[in-house]
């Protein structure tokens, strides 16, 4: 089992301070979340919300994923870096290709790309990207990115993206894994057919198990059952080695955890994260066998 942690809802400065602590404690990865803006006039309904509104305040910081990943790469030695998730179809194809390739090179190949279709129409419109075709464009963007990362003279021709022969450097030394997010049948099929893994949300193990089983079924359907495949998600059950061993048994390969959620009230300063991180590493990660 891999153990990852996230930076969502964390002060941006704290994220920079916490990354070396996670690296030193033996965590496997850090994920960065993504939103461009919070519009004053927000009409798009937030998924899985009774009110249709996001559960965070408008002034919540959402630092740019790839700027943050570049900074985290410079502050760490071995931990992997990814997204949960990056709304790739809200950006131009070449911009995504360039940012991820650069991050891969400066991190020494420690990045993966976690993509999702997004839910906020306003962000797409402000970025000049079509909201209605975002799923179909993401399906095409995934193979396009892999082609653009090959190095040398590259090109791509599809329904939505037409890239003439060009060089885009630096290019990754090895293929960048692409993980797909989303819970719909379409999203699960995208992950099974095109992705190197799936990024979920937060569930009990009982809730997460059907997703893992469905992904296994779909991978067999697409003839990909023998290829490496990651399943990365958060579990809401009380953390324990037994929980994570049972999660492994159903095909979950990585869990996102936030040990500092048990931090005492009133704790201040970035170093307040160190104790919870080290205790989790000692009590859970070290006892996984």
C-alpha atoms as a PDB file:
ATOM      1  CA  UNK A   1       0.000   0.000   0.000  1.00  0.00           C
ATOM      2  CA  UNK A   2       1.197   3.492  -0.868  1.00  0.00           C
ATOM      3  CA  UNK A   3       0.485   6.407   1.453  1.00  0.00           C
ATOM      4  CA  UNK A   4      -0.131   9.813  -0.058  1.00  0.00           C
ATOM      5  CA  UNK A   5      -1.141  13.115   1.436  1.00  0.00           C
ATOM      6  CA  UNK A   6      -2.828  16.193   0.002  1.00  0.00           C
ATOM      7  CA  UNK A   7      -2.479  19.951   0.085  1.00  0.00           C
ATOM      8  CA  UNK A   8      -6.145  20.885  -0.441  1.00  0.00           C
ATOM      9  CA  UNK A   9      -7.474  23.502   2.028  1.00  0.00           C
ATOM     10  CA  UNK A  10      -3.990  23.934   3.468  1.00  0.00           C
ATOM     11  CA  UNK A  11      -2.281  27.297   3.668  1.00  0.00           C
ATOM     12  CA  UNK A  12       0.055  27.493   0.688  1.00  0.00           C
ATOM     13  CA  UNK A  13       3.069  28.222   2.890  1.00  0.00           C
ATOM     14  CA  UNK A  14       2.230  25.241   5.098  1.00  0.00           C
ATOM     15  CA  UNK A  15       2.153  22.981   2.038  1.00  0.00           C
ATOM     16  CA  UNK A  16       5.738  23.933   1.273  1.00  0.00           C
ATOM     17  CA  UNK A  17       6.798  23.279   4.855  1.00  0.00           C
ATOM     18  CA  UNK A  18       4.966  19.946   5.149  1.00  0.00           C
ATOM     19  CA  UNK A  19       6.324  18.385   1.938  1.00  0.00           C
ATOM     20  CA  UNK A  20       9.842  17.683   3.308  1.00  0.00           C
ATOM     21  CA  UNK A  21       8.288  16.233   6.487  1.00  0.00           C
ATOM     22  CA  UNK A  22       6.240  13.779   4.411  1.00  0.00           C
ATOM     23  CA  UNK A  23       9.305  12.927   2.321  1.00  0.00           C
ATOM     24  CA  UNK A  24      11.455  12.254   5.380  1.00  0.00           C
ATOM     25  CA  UNK A  25       8.731  10.192   7.083  1.00  0.00           C
ATOM     26  CA  UNK A  26       8.531   7.788   4.137  1.00  0.00           C
ATOM     27  CA  UNK A  27       5.253   8.839   2.546  1.00  0.00           C
ATOM     28  CA  UNK A  28       4.926   7.812  -1.090  1.00  0.00           C
ATOM     29  CA  UNK A  29       3.276  10.853  -2.631  1.00  0.00           C
ATOM     30  CA  UNK A  30       1.676  14.273  -2.378  1.00  0.00           C
ATOM     31  CA  UNK A  31      -1.365  15.352  -4.395  1.00  0.00           C
ATOM     32  CA  UNK A  32      -2.284  18.889  -5.377  1.00  0.00           C
ATOM     33  CA  UNK A  33      -5.851  19.988  -6.052  1.00  0.00           C
ATOM     34  CA  UNK A  34      -7.065  22.362  -8.715  1.00  0.00           C
ATOM     35  CA  UNK A  35      -9.396  25.301  -9.145  1.00  0.00           C
ATOM     36  CA  UNK A  36      -8.676  28.412 -11.143  1.00  0.00           C
ATOM     37  CA  UNK A  37     -11.118  30.878  -9.541  1.00  0.00           C
ATOM     38  CA  UNK A  38     -14.256  31.228  -7.454  1.00  0.00           C
ATOM     39  CA  UNK A  39     -16.650  33.482  -9.375  1.00  0.00           C
ATOM     40  CA  UNK A  40     -18.945  35.783  -7.430  1.00  0.00           C
ATOM     41  CA  UNK A  41     -21.801  34.619  -9.676  1.00  0.00           C
ATOM     42  CA  UNK A  42     -21.500  30.836  -9.425  1.00  0.00           C
ATOM     43  CA  UNK A  43     -24.387  28.989 -11.077  1.00  0.00           C
ATOM     44  CA  UNK A  44     -22.764  25.591 -11.687  1.00  0.00           C
ATOM     45  CA  UNK A  45     -24.043  23.050  -9.128  1.00  0.00           C
ATOM     46  CA  UNK A  46     -21.362  21.350  -7.078  1.00  0.00           C
ATOM     47  CA  UNK A  47     -21.639  17.527  -7.336  1.00  0.00           C
ATOM     48  CA  UNK A  48     -22.725  15.521  -4.299  1.00  0.00           C
ATOM     49  CA  UNK A  49     -23.931  18.593  -2.415  1.00  0.00           C
ATOM     50  CA  UNK A  50     -27.420  18.936  -0.963  1.00  0.00           C
ATOM     51  CA  UNK A  51     -27.280  22.681  -1.519  1.00  0.00           C
ATOM     52  CA  UNK A  52     -25.434  22.635  -4.846  1.00  0.00           C
ATOM     53  CA  UNK A  53     -22.767  24.875  -3.335  1.00  0.00           C
ATOM     54  CA  UNK A  54     -19.101  24.008  -2.728  1.00  0.00           C
ATOM     55  CA  UNK A  55     -18.126  23.236   0.828  1.00  0.00           C
ATOM     56  CA  UNK A  56     -15.341  25.818   0.949  1.00  0.00           C
ATOM     57  CA  UNK A  57     -15.234  29.601   1.243  1.00  0.00           C
ATOM     58  CA  UNK A  58     -14.602  31.787  -1.825  1.00  0.00           C
ATOM     59  CA  UNK A  59     -11.231  32.914  -0.432  1.00  0.00           C
ATOM     60  CA  UNK A  60      -9.899  29.358   0.003  1.00  0.00           C
ATOM     61  CA  UNK A  61      -6.438  29.206  -1.622  1.00  0.00           C
ATOM     62  CA  UNK A  62      -6.062  27.002  -4.687  1.00  0.00           C
ATOM     63  CA  UNK A  63      -2.439  27.498  -5.790  1.00  0.00           C
ATOM     64  CA  UNK A  64      -1.663  26.568  -9.371  1.00  0.00           C
ATOM     65  CA  UNK A  65      -1.020  22.810  -9.374  1.00  0.00           C
ATOM     66  CA  UNK A  66       2.068  22.825 -11.544  1.00  0.00           C
ATOM     67  CA  UNK A  67       3.738  25.834  -9.966  1.00  0.00           C
ATOM     68  CA  UNK A  68       3.204  24.145  -6.592  1.00  0.00           C
ATOM     69  CA  UNK A  69       4.408  20.762  -7.847  1.00  0.00           C
ATOM     70  CA  UNK A  70       7.561  22.418  -9.199  1.00  0.00           C
ATOM     71  CA  UNK A  71       8.222  23.957  -5.797  1.00  0.00           C
ATOM     72  CA  UNK A  72       7.521  20.679  -3.982  1.00  0.00           C
ATOM     73  CA  UNK A  73       9.866  18.843  -6.338  1.00  0.00           C
ATOM     74  CA  UNK A  74      12.660  21.214  -5.356  1.00  0.00           C
ATOM     75  CA  UNK A  75      11.978  20.670  -1.646  1.00  0.00           C
ATOM     76  CA  UNK A  76      11.838  16.858  -1.709  1.00  0.00           C
ATOM     77  CA  UNK A  77      14.019  13.961  -2.794  1.00  0.00           C
ATOM     78  CA  UNK A  78      11.898  10.864  -3.350  1.00  0.00           C
ATOM     79  CA  UNK A  79       8.192  11.509  -2.801  1.00  0.00           C
ATOM     80  CA  UNK A  80       5.959  11.348  -5.916  1.00  0.00           C
ATOM     81  CA  UNK A  81       3.777  14.272  -6.977  1.00  0.00           C
ATOM     82  CA  UNK A  82       0.383  14.237  -8.654  1.00  0.00           C
ATOM     83  CA  UNK A  83      -3.125  15.745  -8.768  1.00  0.00           C
ATOM     84  CA  UNK A  84      -6.492  14.959  -7.254  1.00  0.00           C
ATOM     85  CA  UNK A  85      -7.471  16.134  -9.778  1.00  0.00           C
ATOM     86  CA  UNK A  86      -6.308  18.567 -12.479  1.00  0.00           C
ATOM     87  CA  UNK A  87      -9.083  19.906 -14.723  1.00  0.00           C
ATOM     88  CA  UNK A  88      -7.028  19.401 -17.882  1.00  0.00           C
ATOM     89  CA  UNK A  89      -9.741  20.099 -20.506  1.00  0.00           C
ATOM     90  CA  UNK A  90     -10.166  23.617 -19.070  1.00  0.00           C
ATOM     91  CA  UNK A  91      -6.679  24.356 -20.449  1.00  0.00           C
ATOM     92  CA  UNK A  92      -5.170  24.285 -23.929  1.00  0.00           C
ATOM     93  CA  UNK A  93      -3.551  20.984 -24.842  1.00  0.00           C
ATOM     94  CA  UNK A  94      -0.082  22.389 -25.474  1.00  0.00           C
ATOM     95  CA  UNK A  95      -0.091  24.250 -22.150  1.00  0.00           C
ATOM     96  CA  UNK A  96      -0.844  21.035 -20.262  1.00  0.00           C
ATOM     97  CA  UNK A  97       1.794  19.135 -22.234  1.00  0.00           C
ATOM     98  CA  UNK A  98       4.444  21.755 -21.520  1.00  0.00           C
ATOM     99  CA  UNK A  99       3.717  22.132 -17.810  1.00  0.00           C
ATOM    100  CA  UNK A 100       3.630  18.417 -17.042  1.00  0.00           C
ATOM    101  CA  UNK A 101       6.711  17.643 -19.142  1.00  0.00           C
ATOM    102  CA  UNK A 102       8.678  20.380 -17.390  1.00  0.00           C
ATOM    103  CA  UNK A 103       7.589  19.150 -13.956  1.00  0.00           C
ATOM    104  CA  UNK A 104       8.575  15.604 -14.890  1.00  0.00           C
ATOM    105  CA  UNK A 105      12.064  16.683 -15.928  1.00  0.00           C
ATOM    106  CA  UNK A 106      12.826  18.919 -12.947  1.00  0.00           C
ATOM    107  CA  UNK A 107      11.481  16.304 -10.491  1.00  0.00           C
ATOM    108  CA  UNK A 108      13.527  13.489 -11.975  1.00  0.00           C
ATOM    109  CA  UNK A 109      10.463  11.644 -13.238  1.00  0.00           C
ATOM    110  CA  UNK A 110       8.491  11.795  -9.980  1.00  0.00           C
ATOM    111  CA  UNK A 111       5.227  13.206 -11.350  1.00  0.00           C
ATOM    112  CA  UNK A 112       2.023  11.679 -12.615  1.00  0.00           C
ATOM    113  CA  UNK A 113      -0.974  13.516 -14.037  1.00  0.00           C
ATOM    114  CA  UNK A 114      -4.379  13.018 -12.426  1.00  0.00           C
ATOM    115  CA  UNK A 115      -7.099  14.411 -14.687  1.00  0.00           C
ATOM    116  CA  UNK A 116     -10.822  15.032 -14.418  1.00  0.00           C
ATOM    117  CA  UNK A 117     -13.518  16.741 -16.481  1.00  0.00           C
ATOM    118  CA  UNK A 118     -14.426  19.313 -13.823  1.00  0.00           C
ATOM    119  CA  UNK A 119     -17.847  20.666 -12.883  1.00  0.00           C
ATOM    120  CA  UNK A 120     -17.571  24.469 -12.948  1.00  0.00           C
ATOM    121  CA  UNK A 121     -18.746  25.828 -16.296  1.00  0.00           C
ATOM    122  CA  UNK A 122     -17.642  29.335 -15.325  1.00  0.00           C
ATOM    123  CA  UNK A 123     -13.977  28.287 -15.176  1.00  0.00           C
ATOM    124  CA  UNK A 124     -14.135  26.784 -18.658  1.00  0.00           C
ATOM    125  CA  UNK A 125     -15.753  29.881 -20.102  1.00  0.00           C
ATOM    126  CA  UNK A 126     -13.204  32.188 -18.480  1.00  0.00           C
ATOM    127  CA  UNK A 127     -10.404  30.016 -19.898  1.00  0.00           C
ATOM    128  CA  UNK A 128     -11.939  29.998 -23.389  1.00  0.00           C
ATOM    129  CA  UNK A 129     -12.587  26.235 -23.411  1.00  0.00           C
ATOM    130  CA  UNK A 130     -15.833  24.473 -24.326  1.00  0.00           C
ATOM    131  CA  UNK A 131     -17.586  23.020 -21.290  1.00  0.00           C
ATOM    132  CA  UNK A 132     -20.004  20.840 -23.274  1.00  0.00           C
ATOM    133  CA  UNK A 133     -17.254  18.815 -24.985  1.00  0.00           C
ATOM    134  CA  UNK A 134     -14.921  18.513 -22.017  1.00  0.00           C
ATOM    135  CA  UNK A 135     -15.316  14.739 -21.630  1.00  0.00           C
ATOM    136  CA  UNK A 136     -14.776  13.978 -25.301  1.00  0.00           C
ATOM    137  CA  UNK A 137     -11.838  16.343 -25.410  1.00  0.00           C
ATOM    138  CA  UNK A 138     -10.260  14.693 -22.378  1.00  0.00           C
ATOM    139  CA  UNK A 139     -10.592  11.300 -24.087  1.00  0.00           C
ATOM    140  CA  UNK A 140      -8.597  12.742 -26.984  1.00  0.00           C
ATOM    141  CA  UNK A 141      -6.208  14.768 -24.836  1.00  0.00           C
ATOM    142  CA  UNK A 142      -4.837  11.685 -23.060  1.00  0.00           C
ATOM    143  CA  UNK A 143      -3.365   9.999 -26.175  1.00  0.00           C
ATOM    144  CA  UNK A 144      -2.384  13.416 -27.533  1.00  0.00           C
ATOM    145  CA  UNK A 145      -0.302  14.149 -24.432  1.00  0.00           C
ATOM    146  CA  UNK A 146       1.461  10.817 -24.672  1.00  0.00           C
ATOM    147  CA  UNK A 147       2.333  11.555 -28.289  1.00  0.00           C
ATOM    148  CA  UNK A 148       3.582  15.062 -27.514  1.00  0.00           C
ATOM    149  CA  UNK A 149       5.810  13.750 -24.707  1.00  0.00           C
ATOM    150  CA  UNK A 150       7.742  11.350 -26.962  1.00  0.00           C
ATOM    151  CA  UNK A 151      10.431  13.897 -27.782  1.00  0.00           C
ATOM    152  CA  UNK A 152      11.775  14.959 -31.160  1.00  0.00           C
ATOM    153  CA  UNK A 153       9.402  15.986 -33.920  1.00  0.00           C
ATOM    154  CA  UNK A 154       5.876  15.191 -32.787  1.00  0.00           C
ATOM    155  CA  UNK A 155       2.365  15.879 -34.060  1.00  0.00           C
ATOM    156  CA  UNK A 156      -1.217  14.880 -33.362  1.00  0.00           C
ATOM    157  CA  UNK A 157      -4.394  14.850 -35.400  1.00  0.00           C
ATOM    158  CA  UNK A 158      -7.800  14.286 -33.832  1.00  0.00           C
ATOM    159  CA  UNK A 159     -11.323  15.620 -33.864  1.00  0.00           C
ATOM    160  CA  UNK A 160     -10.685  18.353 -31.299  1.00  0.00           C
ATOM    161  CA  UNK A 161      -6.908  18.777 -31.356  1.00  0.00           C
ATOM    162  CA  UNK A 162      -4.729  19.322 -34.409  1.00  0.00           C
ATOM    163  CA  UNK A 163      -1.053  19.824 -33.659  1.00  0.00           C
ATOM    164  CA  UNK A 164       1.306  20.292 -36.617  1.00  0.00           C
ATOM    165  CA  UNK A 165       4.771  18.781 -36.485  1.00  0.00           C
ATOM    166  CA  UNK A 166       6.790  20.529 -33.793  1.00  0.00           C
ATOM    167  CA  UNK A 167       9.239  20.034 -30.960  1.00  0.00           C
ATOM    168  CA  UNK A 168       8.146  20.623 -27.374  1.00  0.00           C
ATOM    169  CA  UNK A 169      11.087  20.482 -25.009  1.00  0.00           C
ATOM    170  CA  UNK A 170      12.054  19.432 -22.475  1.00  0.00           C
ATOM    171  CA  UNK A 171      10.266  16.112 -22.804  1.00  0.00           C
ATOM    172  CA  UNK A 172       9.932  13.468 -20.073  1.00  0.00           C
ATOM    173  CA  UNK A 173      12.644  10.844 -19.909  1.00  0.00           C
ATOM    174  CA  UNK A 174       9.959   8.179 -19.368  1.00  0.00           C
ATOM    175  CA  UNK A 175       6.198   8.107 -19.955  1.00  0.00           C
ATOM    176  CA  UNK A 176       4.247  10.169 -17.419  1.00  0.00           C
ATOM    177  CA  UNK A 177       1.483   8.047 -15.836  1.00  0.00           C
ATOM    178  CA  UNK A 178      -1.994   9.482 -16.398  1.00  0.00           C
ATOM    179  CA  UNK A 179      -4.690   8.740 -13.820  1.00  0.00           C
ATOM    180  CA  UNK A 180      -8.342   9.570 -14.427  1.00  0.00           C
ATOM    181  CA  UNK A 181     -10.847  10.803 -11.854  1.00  0.00           C
ATOM    182  CA  UNK A 182     -14.628  10.696 -11.639  1.00  0.00           C
ATOM    183  CA  UNK A 183     -17.238   8.242 -10.375  1.00  0.00           C
ATOM    184  CA  UNK A 184     -19.624   7.975 -13.342  1.00  0.00           C
ATOM    185  CA  UNK A 185     -19.634   4.927 -15.588  1.00  0.00           C
ATOM    186  CA  UNK A 186     -18.150   7.100 -18.343  1.00  0.00           C
ATOM    187  CA  UNK A 187     -15.337   8.223 -16.052  1.00  0.00           C
ATOM    188  CA  UNK A 188     -14.593   4.678 -14.869  1.00  0.00           C
ATOM    189  CA  UNK A 189     -14.486   3.473 -18.474  1.00  0.00           C
ATOM    190  CA  UNK A 190     -12.120   6.318 -19.355  1.00  0.00           C
ATOM    191  CA  UNK A 191      -9.775   5.253 -16.577  1.00  0.00           C
ATOM    192  CA  UNK A 192      -9.941   1.567 -17.511  1.00  0.00           C
ATOM    193  CA  UNK A 193      -9.541   2.178 -21.247  1.00  0.00           C
ATOM    194  CA  UNK A 194      -7.092   5.085 -21.386  1.00  0.00           C
ATOM    195  CA  UNK A 195      -5.587   5.607 -17.957  1.00  0.00           C
ATOM    196  CA  UNK A 196      -2.764   4.216 -15.894  1.00  0.00           C
ATOM    197  CA  UNK A 197      -4.984   4.456 -12.838  1.00  0.00           C
ATOM    198  CA  UNK A 198      -8.037   5.990 -11.201  1.00  0.00           C
ATOM    199  CA  UNK A 199      -8.304   8.775  -8.624  1.00  0.00           C
ATOM    200  CA  UNK A 200     -11.325   8.620  -6.348  1.00  0.00           C
ATOM    201  CA  UNK A 201     -12.657  10.777  -3.527  1.00  0.00           C
ATOM    202  CA  UNK A 202     -13.263   9.859   0.140  1.00  0.00           C
ATOM    203  CA  UNK A 203     -15.213   6.708   1.069  1.00  0.00           C
ATOM    204  CA  UNK A 204     -15.574   4.018   3.645  1.00  0.00           C
ATOM    205  CA  UNK A 205     -13.906   0.812   2.517  1.00  0.00           C
ATOM    206  CA  UNK A 206     -17.369  -0.654   1.953  1.00  0.00           C
ATOM    207  CA  UNK A 207     -18.221   2.228  -0.389  1.00  0.00           C
ATOM    208  CA  UNK A 208     -14.867   2.092  -2.191  1.00  0.00           C
ATOM    209  CA  UNK A 209     -14.900  -1.635  -2.905  1.00  0.00           C
ATOM    210  CA  UNK A 210     -17.532  -1.551  -5.714  1.00  0.00           C
ATOM    211  CA  UNK A 211     -15.453   1.036  -7.597  1.00  0.00           C
ATOM    212  CA  UNK A 212     -12.354  -1.145  -7.388  1.00  0.00           C
ATOM    213  CA  UNK A 213     -14.322  -4.192  -8.555  1.00  0.00           C
ATOM    214  CA  UNK A 214     -15.927  -2.288 -11.438  1.00  0.00           C
ATOM    215  CA  UNK A 215     -12.562  -1.005 -12.605  1.00  0.00           C
ATOM    216  CA  UNK A 216     -11.203  -4.556 -12.574  1.00  0.00           C
ATOM    217  CA  UNK A 217     -14.177  -5.706 -14.675  1.00  0.00           C
ATOM    218  CA  UNK A 218     -13.694  -2.892 -17.178  1.00  0.00           C
ATOM    219  CA  UNK A 219      -9.965  -3.486 -17.478  1.00  0.00           C
ATOM    220  CA  UNK A 220     -10.684  -7.118 -18.342  1.00  0.00           C
ATOM    221  CA  UNK A 221     -13.265  -5.929 -20.896  1.00  0.00           C
ATOM    222  CA  UNK A 222     -10.619  -3.742 -22.551  1.00  0.00           C
ATOM    223  CA  UNK A 223      -7.934  -6.435 -22.359  1.00  0.00           C
ATOM    224  CA  UNK A 224      -5.795  -4.416 -19.944  1.00  0.00           C
ATOM    225  CA  UNK A 225      -6.081  -6.542 -16.809  1.00  0.00           C
ATOM    226  CA  UNK A 226      -2.370  -7.437 -16.824  1.00  0.00           C
ATOM    227  CA  UNK A 227      -1.123  -3.844 -17.151  1.00  0.00           C
ATOM    228  CA  UNK A 228      -0.066  -1.849 -14.069  1.00  0.00           C
ATOM    229  CA  UNK A 229      -2.955   0.192 -12.689  1.00  0.00           C
ATOM    230  CA  UNK A 230      -3.196   2.437  -9.634  1.00  0.00           C
ATOM    231  CA  UNK A 231      -6.279   3.139  -7.536  1.00  0.00           C
ATOM    232  CA  UNK A 232      -5.770   6.205  -5.347  1.00  0.00           C
ATOM    233  CA  UNK A 233      -8.454   7.414  -2.913  1.00  0.00           C
ATOM    234  CA  UNK A 234      -9.124   8.457   0.671  1.00  0.00           C
ATOM    235  CA  UNK A 235     -10.702   6.155   3.242  1.00  0.00           C
ATOM    236  CA  UNK A 236     -13.000   7.506   5.964  1.00  0.00           C
ATOM    237  CA  UNK A 237     -12.671   4.500   8.287  1.00  0.00           C
ATOM    238  CA  UNK A 238     -10.414   4.865  11.372  1.00  0.00           C
ATOM    239  CA  UNK A 239      -6.834   4.335  10.109  1.00  0.00           C
ATOM    240  CA  UNK A 240      -5.135   1.066  10.980  1.00  0.00           C
ATOM    241  CA  UNK A 241      -2.773  -1.406   9.312  1.00  0.00           C
ATOM    242  CA  UNK A 242      -5.654  -3.896   9.103  1.00  0.00           C
ATOM    243  CA  UNK A 243      -7.843  -1.414   7.224  1.00  0.00           C
ATOM    244  CA  UNK A 244      -5.176  -0.749   4.621  1.00  0.00           C
ATOM    245  CA  UNK A 245      -4.367  -4.442   4.222  1.00  0.00           C
ATOM    246  CA  UNK A 246      -8.052  -5.106   3.520  1.00  0.00           C
ATOM    247  CA  UNK A 247      -8.032  -2.232   1.043  1.00  0.00           C
ATOM    248  CA  UNK A 248      -5.082  -3.822  -0.748  1.00  0.00           C
ATOM    249  CA  UNK A 249      -7.009  -7.073  -0.986  1.00  0.00           C
ATOM    250  CA  UNK A 250      -9.751  -5.400  -3.067  1.00  0.00           C
ATOM    251  CA  UNK A 251      -7.278  -3.729  -5.424  1.00  0.00           C
ATOM    252  CA  UNK A 252      -6.722  -0.302  -3.856  1.00  0.00           C
ATOM    253  CA  UNK A 253      -3.052   0.568  -4.306  1.00  0.00           C
ATOM    254  CA  UNK A 254      -2.754   3.971  -2.624  1.00  0.00           C
ATOM    255  CA  UNK A 255      -4.595   5.957   0.046  1.00  0.00           C
ATOM    256  CA  UNK A 256      -4.647   9.701   0.664  1.00  0.00           C
ATOM    257  CA  UNK A 257      -4.344  10.497   4.368  1.00  0.00           C
ATOM    258  CA  UNK A 258      -4.163  13.682   6.451  1.00  0.00           C
ATOM    259  CA  UNK A 259      -2.658  12.739   9.841  1.00  0.00           C
ATOM    260  CA  UNK A 260      -2.893  16.344  11.059  1.00  0.00           C
ATOM    261  CA  UNK A 261      -6.695  16.204  11.193  1.00  0.00           C
ATOM    262  CA  UNK A 262      -6.187  14.959  14.766  1.00  0.00           C
ATOM    263  CA  UNK A 263      -4.013  17.974  15.573  1.00  0.00           C
ATOM    264  CA  UNK A 264      -4.880  19.668  18.917  1.00  0.00           C
ATOM    265  CA  UNK A 265      -6.939  22.841  18.651  1.00  0.00           C
ATOM    266  CA  UNK A 266      -4.885  25.988  18.909  1.00  0.00           C
ATOM    267  CA  UNK A 267      -1.675  24.478  17.500  1.00  0.00           C
ATOM    268  CA  UNK A 268       0.262  27.049  15.497  1.00  0.00           C
ATOM    269  CA  UNK A 269       3.278  27.157  13.216  1.00  0.00           C
ATOM    270  CA  UNK A 270       4.176  24.823  10.374  1.00  0.00           C
ATOM    271  CA  UNK A 271       6.039  22.485  12.720  1.00  0.00           C
ATOM    272  CA  UNK A 272       2.679  21.492  14.266  1.00  0.00           C
ATOM    273  CA  UNK A 273       2.322  19.031  11.364  1.00  0.00           C
ATOM    274  CA  UNK A 274       5.487  17.103  12.189  1.00  0.00           C
ATOM    275  CA  UNK A 275       4.214  15.146  15.199  1.00  0.00           C
ATOM    276  CA  UNK A 276       1.043  13.786  13.528  1.00  0.00           C
ATOM    277  CA  UNK A 277       2.999  12.859  10.394  1.00  0.00           C
ATOM    278  CA  UNK A 278       5.679  10.983  12.335  1.00  0.00           C
ATOM    279  CA  UNK A 279       3.147   9.220  14.584  1.00  0.00           C
ATOM    280  CA  UNK A 280       1.167   8.013  11.571  1.00  0.00           C
ATOM    281  CA  UNK A 281       4.336   6.729   9.930  1.00  0.00           C
ATOM    282  CA  UNK A 282       5.345   4.868  13.088  1.00  0.00           C
ATOM    283  CA  UNK A 283       1.941   3.471  14.087  1.00  0.00           C
ATOM    284  CA  UNK A 284       0.520   2.610  10.674  1.00  0.00           C
ATOM    285  CA  UNK A 285       3.013   2.664   7.820  1.00  0.00           C
ATOM    286  CA  UNK A 286       5.752   0.852   9.726  1.00  0.00           C
ATOM    287  CA  UNK A 287       3.348  -1.958  10.632  1.00  0.00           C
ATOM    288  CA  UNK A 288       2.119  -2.762   7.132  1.00  0.00           C
ATOM    289  CA  UNK A 289       4.527  -5.692   6.732  1.00  0.00           C
END
